[in-house]
């Protein structure tokens, strides 16, 4: 259902202020009084009045919203219900506000590409809210306007419910671009799908904002990252060996240099300020991009971004020790290098 520009703008303000005020500790009844004085849309003001009465009578916000299907989509109503159930309405309302802002910005001329971006944004919100991917896809199927995308999502849901992996289900659809499917594969094999989904939506948005000039660059790099089982397993083993050897030697930091033709990527350990090249841990060139992508995902970084430096961190338990790893990417002319600091206290 398409809403007027004014209606969407009023909803953006409504959900954003609702989120901010709740997070500030303002009681919901008082929040509703403030919102009533803030918005001008007559239908939305009526919703606020009814919600105020419902809260005082012990009813839920989602119950009131469900009466206004001409104003709130089933997706938004379900999100509000989830927020009430999980006690995180502030985060849910903030997500809804961002979602509506994205729709307002990009849906003047709806395209399949834009609908896909919104789809991944919505999917990440639902997964982050605790729903299964099959349930999320079922709910999103009611929200999607583009017929081609709607049919594809419905088939993907059926395939996943039948036991097909997320990556395989999406790759079979032939609707989504290769970079999105590749990133889904990365998230699935690393057990970090909830982190990858918003990253996919961000890349769609960056492409749109730059008139899609990054599509070729992103695809070219994504194609160098292998997510075949043998590559993933070998890359995991290499990373584990590097970390275990680092712990054994009491290393404070690790430097992974750019691959050298025919020699692989050098790994340098720093022990007591002294640099030591680890000849036996040199990373084979064919695994380098996959290992770098894996480390970025572990640190919640954008794994297809190679032109800008990034910083992140993650925590692992190795050799019965809980350790903190701070990672920084350093772009070079042809690739990027990785610096990793290791500590026991974060």
C-alpha atoms as a PDB file:
ATOM      1  CA  UNK A   1       0.000   0.000   0.000  1.00  0.00           C
ATOM      2  CA  UNK A   2       1.353   3.441  -0.953  1.00  0.00           C
ATOM      3  CA  UNK A   3       0.972   6.309   1.487  1.00  0.00           C
ATOM      4  CA  UNK A   4       1.104  10.063   0.938  1.00  0.00           C
ATOM      5  CA  UNK A   5       4.384  11.903   1.447  1.00  0.00           C
ATOM      6  CA  UNK A   6       2.885  13.845   4.375  1.00  0.00           C
ATOM      7  CA  UNK A   7       1.631  10.669   6.063  1.00  0.00           C
ATOM      8  CA  UNK A   8       5.041   8.990   5.864  1.00  0.00           C
ATOM      9  CA  UNK A   9       6.795  12.102   7.178  1.00  0.00           C
ATOM     10  CA  UNK A  10       4.405  12.228  10.143  1.00  0.00           C
ATOM     11  CA  UNK A  11       5.021   8.533  10.876  1.00  0.00           C
ATOM     12  CA  UNK A  12       8.805   9.048  10.760  1.00  0.00           C
ATOM     13  CA  UNK A  13       8.506  11.792  13.376  1.00  0.00           C
ATOM     14  CA  UNK A  14       6.037   9.736  15.422  1.00  0.00           C
ATOM     15  CA  UNK A  15       8.180   6.605  15.655  1.00  0.00           C
ATOM     16  CA  UNK A  16      11.455   8.478  16.115  1.00  0.00           C
ATOM     17  CA  UNK A  17      10.187  10.633  18.974  1.00  0.00           C
ATOM     18  CA  UNK A  18       8.449   7.634  20.540  1.00  0.00           C
ATOM     19  CA  UNK A  19      11.802   5.788  20.535  1.00  0.00           C
ATOM     20  CA  UNK A  20      13.791   8.721  21.960  1.00  0.00           C
ATOM     21  CA  UNK A  21      11.290   9.494  24.711  1.00  0.00           C
ATOM     22  CA  UNK A  22      10.939   5.866  25.836  1.00  0.00           C
ATOM     23  CA  UNK A  23      14.704   5.470  25.916  1.00  0.00           C
ATOM     24  CA  UNK A  24      14.897   8.622  28.034  1.00  0.00           C
ATOM     25  CA  UNK A  25      12.675   6.987  30.631  1.00  0.00           C
ATOM     26  CA  UNK A  26       9.489   8.949  29.938  1.00  0.00           C
ATOM     27  CA  UNK A  27       6.363   6.866  30.786  1.00  0.00           C
ATOM     28  CA  UNK A  28       4.436   5.731  27.703  1.00  0.00           C
ATOM     29  CA  UNK A  29       1.248   7.555  28.753  1.00  0.00           C
ATOM     30  CA  UNK A  30       3.177  10.829  28.927  1.00  0.00           C
ATOM     31  CA  UNK A  31       4.964  10.033  25.662  1.00  0.00           C
ATOM     32  CA  UNK A  32       1.599   9.751  23.919  1.00  0.00           C
ATOM     33  CA  UNK A  33       0.490  13.134  25.289  1.00  0.00           C
ATOM     34  CA  UNK A  34       3.667  14.731  23.919  1.00  0.00           C
ATOM     35  CA  UNK A  35       3.238  13.053  20.539  1.00  0.00           C
ATOM     36  CA  UNK A  36      -0.382  14.199  20.289  1.00  0.00           C
ATOM     37  CA  UNK A  37       0.836  17.790  20.507  1.00  0.00           C
ATOM     38  CA  UNK A  38       3.643  17.159  18.013  1.00  0.00           C
ATOM     39  CA  UNK A  39       1.979  15.522  14.996  1.00  0.00           C
ATOM     40  CA  UNK A  40      -0.647  17.196  12.817  1.00  0.00           C
ATOM     41  CA  UNK A  41      -2.012  14.269  10.811  1.00  0.00           C
ATOM     42  CA  UNK A  42      -5.623  13.828  11.961  1.00  0.00           C
ATOM     43  CA  UNK A  43      -5.637  10.018  11.591  1.00  0.00           C
ATOM     44  CA  UNK A  44      -2.385   9.651  13.479  1.00  0.00           C
ATOM     45  CA  UNK A  45      -3.668  11.901  16.257  1.00  0.00           C
ATOM     46  CA  UNK A  46      -6.734   9.651  16.524  1.00  0.00           C
ATOM     47  CA  UNK A  47      -4.436   6.620  16.802  1.00  0.00           C
ATOM     48  CA  UNK A  48      -2.504   8.338  19.592  1.00  0.00           C
ATOM     49  CA  UNK A  49      -5.703   9.101  21.499  1.00  0.00           C
ATOM     50  CA  UNK A  50      -6.927   5.508  21.225  1.00  0.00           C
ATOM     51  CA  UNK A  51      -3.510   4.159  22.193  1.00  0.00           C
ATOM     52  CA  UNK A  52      -3.489   6.396  25.263  1.00  0.00           C
ATOM     53  CA  UNK A  53      -6.870   5.002  26.340  1.00  0.00           C
ATOM     54  CA  UNK A  54      -5.818   1.424  25.540  1.00  0.00           C
ATOM     55  CA  UNK A  55      -2.627   1.682  27.636  1.00  0.00           C
ATOM     56  CA  UNK A  56      -4.605   2.991  30.606  1.00  0.00           C
ATOM     57  CA  UNK A  57      -7.006   0.041  30.222  1.00  0.00           C
ATOM     58  CA  UNK A  58      -4.164  -2.468  30.048  1.00  0.00           C
ATOM     59  CA  UNK A  59      -4.381  -3.136  26.298  1.00  0.00           C
ATOM     60  CA  UNK A  60      -1.458  -3.242  23.869  1.00  0.00           C
ATOM     61  CA  UNK A  61      -0.246  -0.688  21.341  1.00  0.00           C
ATOM     62  CA  UNK A  62      -0.218  -3.281  18.541  1.00  0.00           C
ATOM     63  CA  UNK A  63      -3.922  -3.995  19.139  1.00  0.00           C
ATOM     64  CA  UNK A  64      -4.764  -0.361  18.409  1.00  0.00           C
ATOM     65  CA  UNK A  65      -2.404  -0.184  15.409  1.00  0.00           C
ATOM     66  CA  UNK A  66      -4.022  -3.278  13.874  1.00  0.00           C
ATOM     67  CA  UNK A  67      -7.290  -1.320  13.567  1.00  0.00           C
ATOM     68  CA  UNK A  68      -5.550   1.123  11.209  1.00  0.00           C
ATOM     69  CA  UNK A  69      -4.314  -1.086   8.389  1.00  0.00           C
ATOM     70  CA  UNK A  70      -4.717   1.909   6.072  1.00  0.00           C
ATOM     71  CA  UNK A  71      -1.980   3.670   8.044  1.00  0.00           C
ATOM     72  CA  UNK A  72       0.271   0.893   9.360  1.00  0.00           C
ATOM     73  CA  UNK A  73       1.368  -2.089   7.268  1.00  0.00           C
ATOM     74  CA  UNK A  74       1.149  -5.667   8.659  1.00  0.00           C
ATOM     75  CA  UNK A  75       4.940  -5.582   8.868  1.00  0.00           C
ATOM     76  CA  UNK A  76       4.972  -2.536  11.161  1.00  0.00           C
ATOM     77  CA  UNK A  77       2.154  -3.937  13.317  1.00  0.00           C
ATOM     78  CA  UNK A  78       4.040  -7.213  13.738  1.00  0.00           C
ATOM     79  CA  UNK A  79       7.234  -5.352  14.653  1.00  0.00           C
ATOM     80  CA  UNK A  80       5.372  -3.411  17.350  1.00  0.00           C
ATOM     81  CA  UNK A  81       3.929  -6.669  18.693  1.00  0.00           C
ATOM     82  CA  UNK A  82       7.433  -8.162  18.841  1.00  0.00           C
ATOM     83  CA  UNK A  83       8.749  -5.054  20.606  1.00  0.00           C
ATOM     84  CA  UNK A  84       6.007  -5.297  23.233  1.00  0.00           C
ATOM     85  CA  UNK A  85       6.688  -8.985  23.754  1.00  0.00           C
ATOM     86  CA  UNK A  86      10.474  -8.589  24.041  1.00  0.00           C
ATOM     87  CA  UNK A  87      10.435  -5.306  25.942  1.00  0.00           C
ATOM     88  CA  UNK A  88      12.467  -3.404  23.338  1.00  0.00           C
ATOM     89  CA  UNK A  89       9.946  -0.989  21.867  1.00  0.00           C
ATOM     90  CA  UNK A  90      12.554   1.786  21.814  1.00  0.00           C
ATOM     91  CA  UNK A  91      14.798  -0.157  19.422  1.00  0.00           C
ATOM     92  CA  UNK A  92      11.850  -1.349  17.333  1.00  0.00           C
ATOM     93  CA  UNK A  93      10.404   2.152  16.935  1.00  0.00           C
ATOM     94  CA  UNK A  94      13.844   3.483  15.993  1.00  0.00           C
ATOM     95  CA  UNK A  95      14.142   0.758  13.323  1.00  0.00           C
ATOM     96  CA  UNK A  96      10.669   1.565  11.974  1.00  0.00           C
ATOM     97  CA  UNK A  97      11.559   5.257  11.751  1.00  0.00           C
ATOM     98  CA  UNK A  98      14.739   4.461   9.774  1.00  0.00           C
ATOM     99  CA  UNK A  99      12.829   2.084   7.523  1.00  0.00           C
ATOM    100  CA  UNK A 100      10.167   4.674   6.695  1.00  0.00           C
ATOM    101  CA  UNK A 101      12.871   7.265   6.053  1.00  0.00           C
ATOM    102  CA  UNK A 102      14.556   4.900   3.588  1.00  0.00           C
ATOM    103  CA  UNK A 103      11.237   4.293   1.821  1.00  0.00           C
ATOM    104  CA  UNK A 104      10.574   8.016   1.573  1.00  0.00           C
ATOM    105  CA  UNK A 105      14.035   8.606   0.120  1.00  0.00           C
ATOM    106  CA  UNK A 106      14.152   5.843  -2.471  1.00  0.00           C
ATOM    107  CA  UNK A 107      10.631   4.899  -3.500  1.00  0.00           C
ATOM    108  CA  UNK A 108       9.731   7.877  -5.677  1.00  0.00           C
ATOM    109  CA  UNK A 109      10.371   5.602  -8.677  1.00  0.00           C
ATOM    110  CA  UNK A 110      10.147   2.033  -7.335  1.00  0.00           C
ATOM    111  CA  UNK A 111      12.470  -0.487  -8.996  1.00  0.00           C
ATOM    112  CA  UNK A 112      13.319  -4.101  -8.280  1.00  0.00           C
ATOM    113  CA  UNK A 113      16.743  -2.968  -7.005  1.00  0.00           C
ATOM    114  CA  UNK A 114      15.185  -0.548  -4.498  1.00  0.00           C
ATOM    115  CA  UNK A 115      12.620  -3.141  -3.408  1.00  0.00           C
ATOM    116  CA  UNK A 116      15.469  -5.593  -2.784  1.00  0.00           C
ATOM    117  CA  UNK A 117      17.277  -3.048  -0.615  1.00  0.00           C
ATOM    118  CA  UNK A 118      14.134  -2.488   1.460  1.00  0.00           C
ATOM    119  CA  UNK A 119      13.596  -6.256   1.626  1.00  0.00           C
ATOM    120  CA  UNK A 120      17.035  -6.854   3.163  1.00  0.00           C
ATOM    121  CA  UNK A 121      16.535  -3.938   5.564  1.00  0.00           C
ATOM    122  CA  UNK A 122      13.240  -5.431   6.751  1.00  0.00           C
ATOM    123  CA  UNK A 123      14.670  -8.952   6.935  1.00  0.00           C
ATOM    124  CA  UNK A 124      17.562  -7.799   9.128  1.00  0.00           C
ATOM    125  CA  UNK A 125      15.140  -6.069  11.506  1.00  0.00           C
ATOM    126  CA  UNK A 126      12.995  -9.204  11.860  1.00  0.00           C
ATOM    127  CA  UNK A 127      15.955 -11.559  12.350  1.00  0.00           C
ATOM    128  CA  UNK A 128      17.428  -9.179  14.925  1.00  0.00           C
ATOM    129  CA  UNK A 129      14.049  -9.238  16.699  1.00  0.00           C
ATOM    130  CA  UNK A 130      14.350 -12.987  17.228  1.00  0.00           C
ATOM    131  CA  UNK A 131      12.125 -14.379  14.458  1.00  0.00           C
ATOM    132  CA  UNK A 132      13.258 -17.357  12.368  1.00  0.00           C
ATOM    133  CA  UNK A 133      14.161 -16.639   8.776  1.00  0.00           C
ATOM    134  CA  UNK A 134      11.201 -18.685   7.496  1.00  0.00           C
ATOM    135  CA  UNK A 135       8.743 -16.740   9.673  1.00  0.00           C
ATOM    136  CA  UNK A 136      10.392 -13.472   8.635  1.00  0.00           C
ATOM    137  CA  UNK A 137      10.094 -14.317   4.940  1.00  0.00           C
ATOM    138  CA  UNK A 138       6.440 -15.254   5.391  1.00  0.00           C
ATOM    139  CA  UNK A 139       5.730 -11.888   6.989  1.00  0.00           C
ATOM    140  CA  UNK A 140       7.711  -9.971   4.370  1.00  0.00           C
ATOM    141  CA  UNK A 141       5.830 -11.713   1.586  1.00  0.00           C
ATOM    142  CA  UNK A 142       2.749  -9.762   2.662  1.00  0.00           C
ATOM    143  CA  UNK A 143       4.681  -6.486   2.486  1.00  0.00           C
ATOM    144  CA  UNK A 144       6.388  -6.764  -0.913  1.00  0.00           C
ATOM    145  CA  UNK A 145       4.721  -4.931  -3.819  1.00  0.00           C
ATOM    146  CA  UNK A 146       6.938  -6.090  -6.683  1.00  0.00           C
ATOM    147  CA  UNK A 147       5.404  -9.283  -8.067  1.00  0.00           C
ATOM    148  CA  UNK A 148       8.692 -10.792  -9.264  1.00  0.00           C
ATOM    149  CA  UNK A 149      10.332 -10.287  -5.884  1.00  0.00           C
ATOM    150  CA  UNK A 150       7.222 -11.454  -4.031  1.00  0.00           C
ATOM    151  CA  UNK A 151       7.159 -14.781  -5.915  1.00  0.00           C
ATOM    152  CA  UNK A 152      10.902 -15.254  -5.408  1.00  0.00           C
ATOM    153  CA  UNK A 153      10.675 -14.656  -1.636  1.00  0.00           C
ATOM    154  CA  UNK A 154       7.763 -17.073  -1.348  1.00  0.00           C
ATOM    155  CA  UNK A 155       9.753 -19.806  -3.129  1.00  0.00           C
ATOM    156  CA  UNK A 156      12.813 -19.096  -0.980  1.00  0.00           C
ATOM    157  CA  UNK A 157      10.674 -19.515   2.151  1.00  0.00           C
ATOM    158  CA  UNK A 158       9.347 -22.850   0.912  1.00  0.00           C
ATOM    159  CA  UNK A 159      12.861 -24.066   0.071  1.00  0.00           C
ATOM    160  CA  UNK A 160      14.216 -23.102   3.490  1.00  0.00           C
ATOM    161  CA  UNK A 161      11.301 -24.776   5.257  1.00  0.00           C
ATOM    162  CA  UNK A 162      12.086 -27.900   3.198  1.00  0.00           C
ATOM    163  CA  UNK A 163      15.655 -27.912   4.546  1.00  0.00           C
ATOM    164  CA  UNK A 164      17.551 -25.970   1.888  1.00  0.00           C
ATOM    165  CA  UNK A 165      20.286 -23.655   3.172  1.00  0.00           C
ATOM    166  CA  UNK A 166      19.712 -19.909   3.055  1.00  0.00           C
ATOM    167  CA  UNK A 167      22.500 -19.459   0.509  1.00  0.00           C
ATOM    168  CA  UNK A 168      21.203 -22.191  -1.797  1.00  0.00           C
ATOM    169  CA  UNK A 169      17.615 -20.944  -1.584  1.00  0.00           C
ATOM    170  CA  UNK A 170      18.606 -17.392  -2.532  1.00  0.00           C
ATOM    171  CA  UNK A 171      21.033 -18.455  -5.268  1.00  0.00           C
ATOM    172  CA  UNK A 172      18.342 -20.630  -6.904  1.00  0.00           C
ATOM    173  CA  UNK A 173      15.960 -17.675  -7.194  1.00  0.00           C
ATOM    174  CA  UNK A 174      18.088 -15.884  -9.834  1.00  0.00           C
ATOM    175  CA  UNK A 175      16.556 -12.579  -8.682  1.00  0.00           C
ATOM    176  CA  UNK A 176      19.245 -11.269  -6.348  1.00  0.00           C
ATOM    177  CA  UNK A 177      22.666  -9.991  -7.535  1.00  0.00           C
ATOM    178  CA  UNK A 178      25.754 -12.126  -6.959  1.00  0.00           C
ATOM    179  CA  UNK A 179      27.241  -9.828  -4.309  1.00  0.00           C
ATOM    180  CA  UNK A 180      24.136 -10.281  -2.102  1.00  0.00           C
ATOM    181  CA  UNK A 181      24.117 -14.059  -2.531  1.00  0.00           C
ATOM    182  CA  UNK A 182      27.864 -14.230  -1.839  1.00  0.00           C
ATOM    183  CA  UNK A 183      27.439 -12.215   1.364  1.00  0.00           C
ATOM    184  CA  UNK A 184      24.587 -14.474   2.501  1.00  0.00           C
ATOM    185  CA  UNK A 185      26.899 -17.443   1.997  1.00  0.00           C
ATOM    186  CA  UNK A 186      29.534 -15.690   4.117  1.00  0.00           C
ATOM    187  CA  UNK A 187      27.069 -14.974   6.917  1.00  0.00           C
ATOM    188  CA  UNK A 188      25.714 -18.510   6.889  1.00  0.00           C
ATOM    189  CA  UNK A 189      29.041 -20.348   6.987  1.00  0.00           C
ATOM    190  CA  UNK A 190      30.347 -18.013   9.709  1.00  0.00           C
ATOM    191  CA  UNK A 191      27.134 -18.273  11.749  1.00  0.00           C
ATOM    192  CA  UNK A 192      26.711 -14.497  11.560  1.00  0.00           C
ATOM    193  CA  UNK A 193      23.715 -13.978   9.284  1.00  0.00           C
ATOM    194  CA  UNK A 194      22.197 -11.302  11.533  1.00  0.00           C
ATOM    195  CA  UNK A 195      25.321  -9.156  11.028  1.00  0.00           C
ATOM    196  CA  UNK A 196      25.536  -9.699   7.274  1.00  0.00           C
ATOM    197  CA  UNK A 197      21.925  -8.760   6.434  1.00  0.00           C
ATOM    198  CA  UNK A 198      22.162  -5.046   7.363  1.00  0.00           C
ATOM    199  CA  UNK A 199      25.520  -4.911   5.561  1.00  0.00           C
ATOM    200  CA  UNK A 200      23.821  -6.106   2.367  1.00  0.00           C
ATOM    201  CA  UNK A 201      21.182  -3.380   2.711  1.00  0.00           C
ATOM    202  CA  UNK A 202      23.928  -0.785   3.257  1.00  0.00           C
ATOM    203  CA  UNK A 203      25.684  -1.809   0.041  1.00  0.00           C
ATOM    204  CA  UNK A 204      22.431  -1.517  -1.920  1.00  0.00           C
ATOM    205  CA  UNK A 205      21.989   1.981  -0.507  1.00  0.00           C
ATOM    206  CA  UNK A 206      25.567   3.017  -1.302  1.00  0.00           C
ATOM    207  CA  UNK A 207      25.109   1.830  -4.873  1.00  0.00           C
ATOM    208  CA  UNK A 208      21.933   3.864  -5.239  1.00  0.00           C
ATOM    209  CA  UNK A 209      23.494   6.963  -3.692  1.00  0.00           C
ATOM    210  CA  UNK A 210      26.456   6.729  -6.076  1.00  0.00           C
ATOM    211  CA  UNK A 211      24.297   5.925  -9.106  1.00  0.00           C
ATOM    212  CA  UNK A 212      25.349   2.283  -8.829  1.00  0.00           C
ATOM    213  CA  UNK A 213      28.975   3.062  -9.764  1.00  0.00           C
ATOM    214  CA  UNK A 214      30.174   0.597  -7.129  1.00  0.00           C
ATOM    215  CA  UNK A 215      28.350  -2.399  -8.541  1.00  0.00           C
ATOM    216  CA  UNK A 216      31.212  -3.536 -10.792  1.00  0.00           C
ATOM    217  CA  UNK A 217      33.829  -2.940  -8.082  1.00  0.00           C
ATOM    218  CA  UNK A 218      31.847  -4.799  -5.427  1.00  0.00           C
ATOM    219  CA  UNK A 219      31.077  -7.727  -7.710  1.00  0.00           C
ATOM    220  CA  UNK A 220      34.698  -7.974  -8.877  1.00  0.00           C
ATOM    221  CA  UNK A 221      35.974  -8.194  -5.291  1.00  0.00           C
ATOM    222  CA  UNK A 222      33.139 -10.435  -4.072  1.00  0.00           C
ATOM    223  CA  UNK A 223      33.984 -12.914  -6.828  1.00  0.00           C
ATOM    224  CA  UNK A 224      37.533 -13.293  -5.434  1.00  0.00           C
ATOM    225  CA  UNK A 225      36.201 -14.485  -2.083  1.00  0.00           C
ATOM    226  CA  UNK A 226      35.525 -18.210  -2.121  1.00  0.00           C
ATOM    227  CA  UNK A 227      32.830 -19.653   0.144  1.00  0.00           C
ATOM    228  CA  UNK A 228      33.100 -23.238  -1.078  1.00  0.00           C
ATOM    229  CA  UNK A 229      33.177 -25.694   1.829  1.00  0.00           C
ATOM    230  CA  UNK A 230      36.810 -26.686   1.215  1.00  0.00           C
ATOM    231  CA  UNK A 231      37.931 -23.034   1.098  1.00  0.00           C
ATOM    232  CA  UNK A 232      35.971 -22.151   4.233  1.00  0.00           C
ATOM    233  CA  UNK A 233      37.255 -25.181   6.161  1.00  0.00           C
ATOM    234  CA  UNK A 234      40.866 -24.553   5.140  1.00  0.00           C
ATOM    235  CA  UNK A 235      40.577 -20.826   5.922  1.00  0.00           C
ATOM    236  CA  UNK A 236      39.112 -21.595   9.356  1.00  0.00           C
ATOM    237  CA  UNK A 237      42.009 -23.960  10.081  1.00  0.00           C
ATOM    238  CA  UNK A 238      44.572 -21.364   9.026  1.00  0.00           C
ATOM    239  CA  UNK A 239      43.026 -18.676  11.243  1.00  0.00           C
ATOM    240  CA  UNK A 240      42.833 -21.048  14.221  1.00  0.00           C
ATOM    241  CA  UNK A 241      46.474 -22.098  13.768  1.00  0.00           C
ATOM    242  CA  UNK A 242      47.630 -18.467  13.640  1.00  0.00           C
ATOM    243  CA  UNK A 243      45.731 -17.554  16.804  1.00  0.00           C
ATOM    244  CA  UNK A 244      46.775 -20.673  18.728  1.00  0.00           C
ATOM    245  CA  UNK A 245      50.432 -20.191  17.853  1.00  0.00           C
ATOM    246  CA  UNK A 246      50.149 -16.516  18.841  1.00  0.00           C
ATOM    247  CA  UNK A 247      48.769 -17.456  22.260  1.00  0.00           C
ATOM    248  CA  UNK A 248      51.478 -20.092  22.704  1.00  0.00           C
ATOM    249  CA  UNK A 249      54.203 -17.515  22.030  1.00  0.00           C
ATOM    250  CA  UNK A 250      52.637 -14.764  24.157  1.00  0.00           C
ATOM    251  CA  UNK A 251      52.101 -12.489  21.176  1.00  0.00           C
ATOM    252  CA  UNK A 252      50.718  -8.979  21.766  1.00  0.00           C
ATOM    253  CA  UNK A 253      49.874  -8.222  18.134  1.00  0.00           C
ATOM    254  CA  UNK A 254      49.746  -9.840  14.708  1.00  0.00           C
ATOM    255  CA  UNK A 255      50.389  -8.254  11.323  1.00  0.00           C
ATOM    256  CA  UNK A 256      49.121  -9.934   8.145  1.00  0.00           C
ATOM    257  CA  UNK A 257      50.813  -8.404   5.112  1.00  0.00           C
ATOM    258  CA  UNK A 258      49.680  -8.312   1.489  1.00  0.00           C
ATOM    259  CA  UNK A 259      50.326 -11.484  -0.479  1.00  0.00           C
ATOM    260  CA  UNK A 260      53.611 -11.723  -2.356  1.00  0.00           C
ATOM    261  CA  UNK A 261      53.405 -13.330  -5.795  1.00  0.00           C
ATOM    262  CA  UNK A 262      54.095 -17.027  -5.465  1.00  0.00           C
ATOM    263  CA  UNK A 263      54.918 -16.727  -1.759  1.00  0.00           C
ATOM    264  CA  UNK A 264      51.608 -15.978  -0.043  1.00  0.00           C
ATOM    265  CA  UNK A 265      50.860 -13.420   2.692  1.00  0.00           C
ATOM    266  CA  UNK A 266      53.516 -13.029   5.414  1.00  0.00           C
ATOM    267  CA  UNK A 267      52.370 -13.257   9.048  1.00  0.00           C
ATOM    268  CA  UNK A 268      54.395 -11.302  11.611  1.00  0.00           C
ATOM    269  CA  UNK A 269      54.141 -11.805  15.398  1.00  0.00           C
ATOM    270  CA  UNK A 270      55.144  -9.046  17.806  1.00  0.00           C
ATOM    271  CA  UNK A 271      56.498 -10.344  21.105  1.00  0.00           C
ATOM    272  CA  UNK A 272      57.818  -7.814  23.616  1.00  0.00           C
ATOM    273  CA  UNK A 273      58.115  -5.207  20.879  1.00  0.00           C
ATOM    274  CA  UNK A 274      60.174  -7.529  18.675  1.00  0.00           C
ATOM    275  CA  UNK A 275      58.908  -8.471  15.202  1.00  0.00           C
ATOM    276  CA  UNK A 276      59.224 -12.125  14.187  1.00  0.00           C
ATOM    277  CA  UNK A 277      58.263 -13.397  10.733  1.00  0.00           C
ATOM    278  CA  UNK A 278      56.367 -16.704  11.011  1.00  0.00           C
ATOM    279  CA  UNK A 279      57.547 -18.667   7.983  1.00  0.00           C
ATOM    280  CA  UNK A 280      55.395 -21.705   8.841  1.00  0.00           C
ATOM    281  CA  UNK A 281      52.212 -19.597   9.089  1.00  0.00           C
ATOM    282  CA  UNK A 282      52.424 -17.799   5.738  1.00  0.00           C
ATOM    283  CA  UNK A 283      48.899 -17.620   4.258  1.00  0.00           C
ATOM    284  CA  UNK A 284      48.581 -19.169   0.774  1.00  0.00           C
ATOM    285  CA  UNK A 285      47.576 -16.494  -1.727  1.00  0.00           C
ATOM    286  CA  UNK A 286      44.435 -18.339  -2.846  1.00  0.00           C
ATOM    287  CA  UNK A 287      43.014 -18.236   0.715  1.00  0.00           C
ATOM    288  CA  UNK A 288      43.989 -14.643   1.503  1.00  0.00           C
ATOM    289  CA  UNK A 289      40.782 -12.812   0.481  1.00  0.00           C
ATOM    290  CA  UNK A 290      38.559 -15.406   2.168  1.00  0.00           C
ATOM    291  CA  UNK A 291      40.559 -15.172   5.419  1.00  0.00           C
ATOM    292  CA  UNK A 292      40.483 -11.358   5.385  1.00  0.00           C
ATOM    293  CA  UNK A 293      36.725 -11.436   4.753  1.00  0.00           C
ATOM    294  CA  UNK A 294      36.256 -13.908   7.628  1.00  0.00           C
ATOM    295  CA  UNK A 295      38.238 -11.703  10.048  1.00  0.00           C
ATOM    296  CA  UNK A 296      36.172  -8.666   9.013  1.00  0.00           C
ATOM    297  CA  UNK A 297      32.924 -10.523   9.595  1.00  0.00           C
ATOM    298  CA  UNK A 298      34.127 -11.662  13.034  1.00  0.00           C
ATOM    299  CA  UNK A 299      34.853  -7.996  13.870  1.00  0.00           C
ATOM    300  CA  UNK A 300      31.487  -6.816  12.482  1.00  0.00           C
ATOM    301  CA  UNK A 301      33.094  -4.882   9.614  1.00  0.00           C
ATOM    302  CA  UNK A 302      31.993  -4.365   6.013  1.00  0.00           C
ATOM    303  CA  UNK A 303      33.876  -7.186   4.316  1.00  0.00           C
ATOM    304  CA  UNK A 304      33.568  -5.801   0.766  1.00  0.00           C
ATOM    305  CA  UNK A 305      34.975  -2.374   1.705  1.00  0.00           C
ATOM    306  CA  UNK A 306      38.663  -2.278   0.717  1.00  0.00           C
ATOM    307  CA  UNK A 307      39.317   1.405  -0.008  1.00  0.00           C
ATOM    308  CA  UNK A 308      38.754   2.791   3.504  1.00  0.00           C
ATOM    309  CA  UNK A 309      40.431   1.649   6.762  1.00  0.00           C
ATOM    310  CA  UNK A 310      38.135  -0.015   9.291  1.00  0.00           C
ATOM    311  CA  UNK A 311      38.367  -0.894  12.973  1.00  0.00           C
ATOM    312  CA  UNK A 312      36.498  -3.528  14.947  1.00  0.00           C
ATOM    313  CA  UNK A 313      36.882  -6.153  17.638  1.00  0.00           C
ATOM    314  CA  UNK A 314      35.745  -9.609  18.660  1.00  0.00           C
ATOM    315  CA  UNK A 315      36.160 -12.029  21.555  1.00  0.00           C
ATOM    316  CA  UNK A 316      37.256 -15.669  21.459  1.00  0.00           C
ATOM    317  CA  UNK A 317      38.035 -18.393  23.974  1.00  0.00           C
ATOM    318  CA  UNK A 318      41.292 -20.158  23.083  1.00  0.00           C
ATOM    319  CA  UNK A 319      43.397 -22.518  25.197  1.00  0.00           C
ATOM    320  CA  UNK A 320      40.918 -21.975  28.056  1.00  0.00           C
ATOM    321  CA  UNK A 321      41.511 -18.218  27.924  1.00  0.00           C
ATOM    322  CA  UNK A 322      38.974 -15.529  27.059  1.00  0.00           C
ATOM    323  CA  UNK A 323      40.797 -13.146  24.736  1.00  0.00           C
ATOM    324  CA  UNK A 324      39.949  -9.877  23.022  1.00  0.00           C
ATOM    325  CA  UNK A 325      41.058  -9.154  19.456  1.00  0.00           C
ATOM    326  CA  UNK A 326      41.099  -5.614  18.059  1.00  0.00           C
ATOM    327  CA  UNK A 327      41.384  -5.552  14.283  1.00  0.00           C
ATOM    328  CA  UNK A 328      42.314  -2.751  11.898  1.00  0.00           C
ATOM    329  CA  UNK A 329      42.359  -2.941   8.094  1.00  0.00           C
ATOM    330  CA  UNK A 330      44.977  -0.945   6.194  1.00  0.00           C
ATOM    331  CA  UNK A 331      44.242  -0.472   2.472  1.00  0.00           C
ATOM    332  CA  UNK A 332      47.160  -0.720   0.029  1.00  0.00           C
ATOM    333  CA  UNK A 333      47.403   0.001  -3.700  1.00  0.00           C
ATOM    334  CA  UNK A 334      46.252  -3.490  -4.640  1.00  0.00           C
ATOM    335  CA  UNK A 335      44.678  -5.069  -1.540  1.00  0.00           C
ATOM    336  CA  UNK A 336      44.764  -4.474   2.228  1.00  0.00           C
ATOM    337  CA  UNK A 337      46.736  -5.549   5.286  1.00  0.00           C
ATOM    338  CA  UNK A 338      45.427  -6.562   8.710  1.00  0.00           C
ATOM    339  CA  UNK A 339      46.707  -5.541  12.144  1.00  0.00           C
ATOM    340  CA  UNK A 340      45.390  -7.448  15.184  1.00  0.00           C
ATOM    341  CA  UNK A 341      45.969  -6.552  18.855  1.00  0.00           C
ATOM    342  CA  UNK A 342      45.466  -9.300  21.441  1.00  0.00           C
ATOM    343  CA  UNK A 343      44.671  -8.773  25.131  1.00  0.00           C
ATOM    344  CA  UNK A 344      42.994 -10.522  28.042  1.00  0.00           C
ATOM    345  CA  UNK A 345      41.113  -7.506  29.368  1.00  0.00           C
ATOM    346  CA  UNK A 346      39.583  -5.949  26.259  1.00  0.00           C
END
